[in-house]
């Protein structure tokens, strides 16, 4: 993860709006995220992606 982008399969946060998604691919200039549980993927610029943190109870 030297580029700062979480690996495919990891969960990440779209820092533009706080949505969480699973990294599906890096496609051209975008990272593709899919909502947990499935749904439509969306494109995020790499600078707006960070690894999701597990919640602690």
Protein backbone atom coordinates (compact mmCIF):
# COMPACT_ATOMS: atom_id res chain seq x y z
CA UNK A 1 0.00 0.00 0.00
CA UNK A 2 2.88 2.35 -0.72
CA UNK A 3 0.62 4.58 -2.83
CA UNK A 4 -1.69 5.17 0.13
CA UNK A 5 -4.59 3.40 -1.58
CA UNK A 6 -5.94 0.44 0.41
CA UNK A 7 -5.61 -2.89 -1.44
CA UNK A 8 -8.44 -4.47 -3.43
CA UNK A 9 -10.86 -6.10 -0.99
CA UNK A 10 -10.11 -3.70 1.87
CA UNK A 11 -12.63 -1.17 3.15
CA UNK A 12 -11.98 2.50 2.56
CA UNK A 13 -13.57 5.88 3.20
CA UNK A 14 -14.44 8.42 0.52
CA UNK A 15 -13.24 11.51 2.39
CA UNK A 16 -15.36 13.80 0.22
CA UNK A 17 -18.59 12.64 1.89
CA UNK A 18 -17.64 10.00 4.48
CA UNK A 19 -19.11 7.01 2.64
CA UNK A 20 -17.48 3.64 3.31
CA UNK A 21 -16.92 1.14 0.54
CA UNK A 22 -14.91 -1.91 -0.40
CA UNK A 23 -12.09 -1.28 -2.85
CA UNK A 24 -12.99 -3.14 -6.04
CA UNK A 25 -10.35 -1.81 -8.45
CA UNK A 26 -8.08 1.01 -9.41
CA UNK A 27 -9.34 1.99 -12.86
CA UNK A 28 -7.44 4.74 -14.64
CA UNK A 29 -7.41 7.85 -12.47
CA UNK A 30 -10.00 6.52 -10.01
CA UNK A 31 -10.44 4.02 -7.19
CA UNK A 32 -13.72 2.12 -7.45
CA UNK A 33 -15.60 1.57 -4.19
CA UNK A 34 -18.69 -0.58 -3.63
CA UNK A 35 -21.00 -0.15 -0.63
CA UNK A 36 -20.79 -2.83 2.09
CA UNK A 37 -23.35 -5.50 1.29
CA UNK A 38 -23.32 -4.70 -2.43
CA UNK A 39 -24.70 -2.01 -4.65
CA UNK A 40 -23.52 0.35 -7.32
CA UNK A 41 -19.83 1.17 -7.37
CA UNK A 42 -18.65 4.76 -7.46
CA UNK A 43 -15.40 6.39 -8.53
CA UNK A 44 -13.18 8.26 -6.10
CA UNK A 45 -10.00 10.21 -6.83
CA UNK A 46 -7.06 8.50 -5.07
CA UNK A 47 -6.38 11.60 -2.96
CA UNK A 48 -9.90 11.29 -1.49
CA UNK A 49 -9.49 7.66 -0.31
CA UNK A 50 -8.22 6.50 3.07
CA UNK A 51 -8.31 3.14 4.82
CA UNK A 52 -11.36 2.56 6.99
CA UNK A 53 -10.79 2.03 10.69
CA UNK A 54 -12.59 -0.70 12.65
CA UNK A 55 -15.01 0.60 15.26
CA UNK A 56 -14.19 -0.24 18.82
CA UNK A 57 -16.91 -0.83 21.38
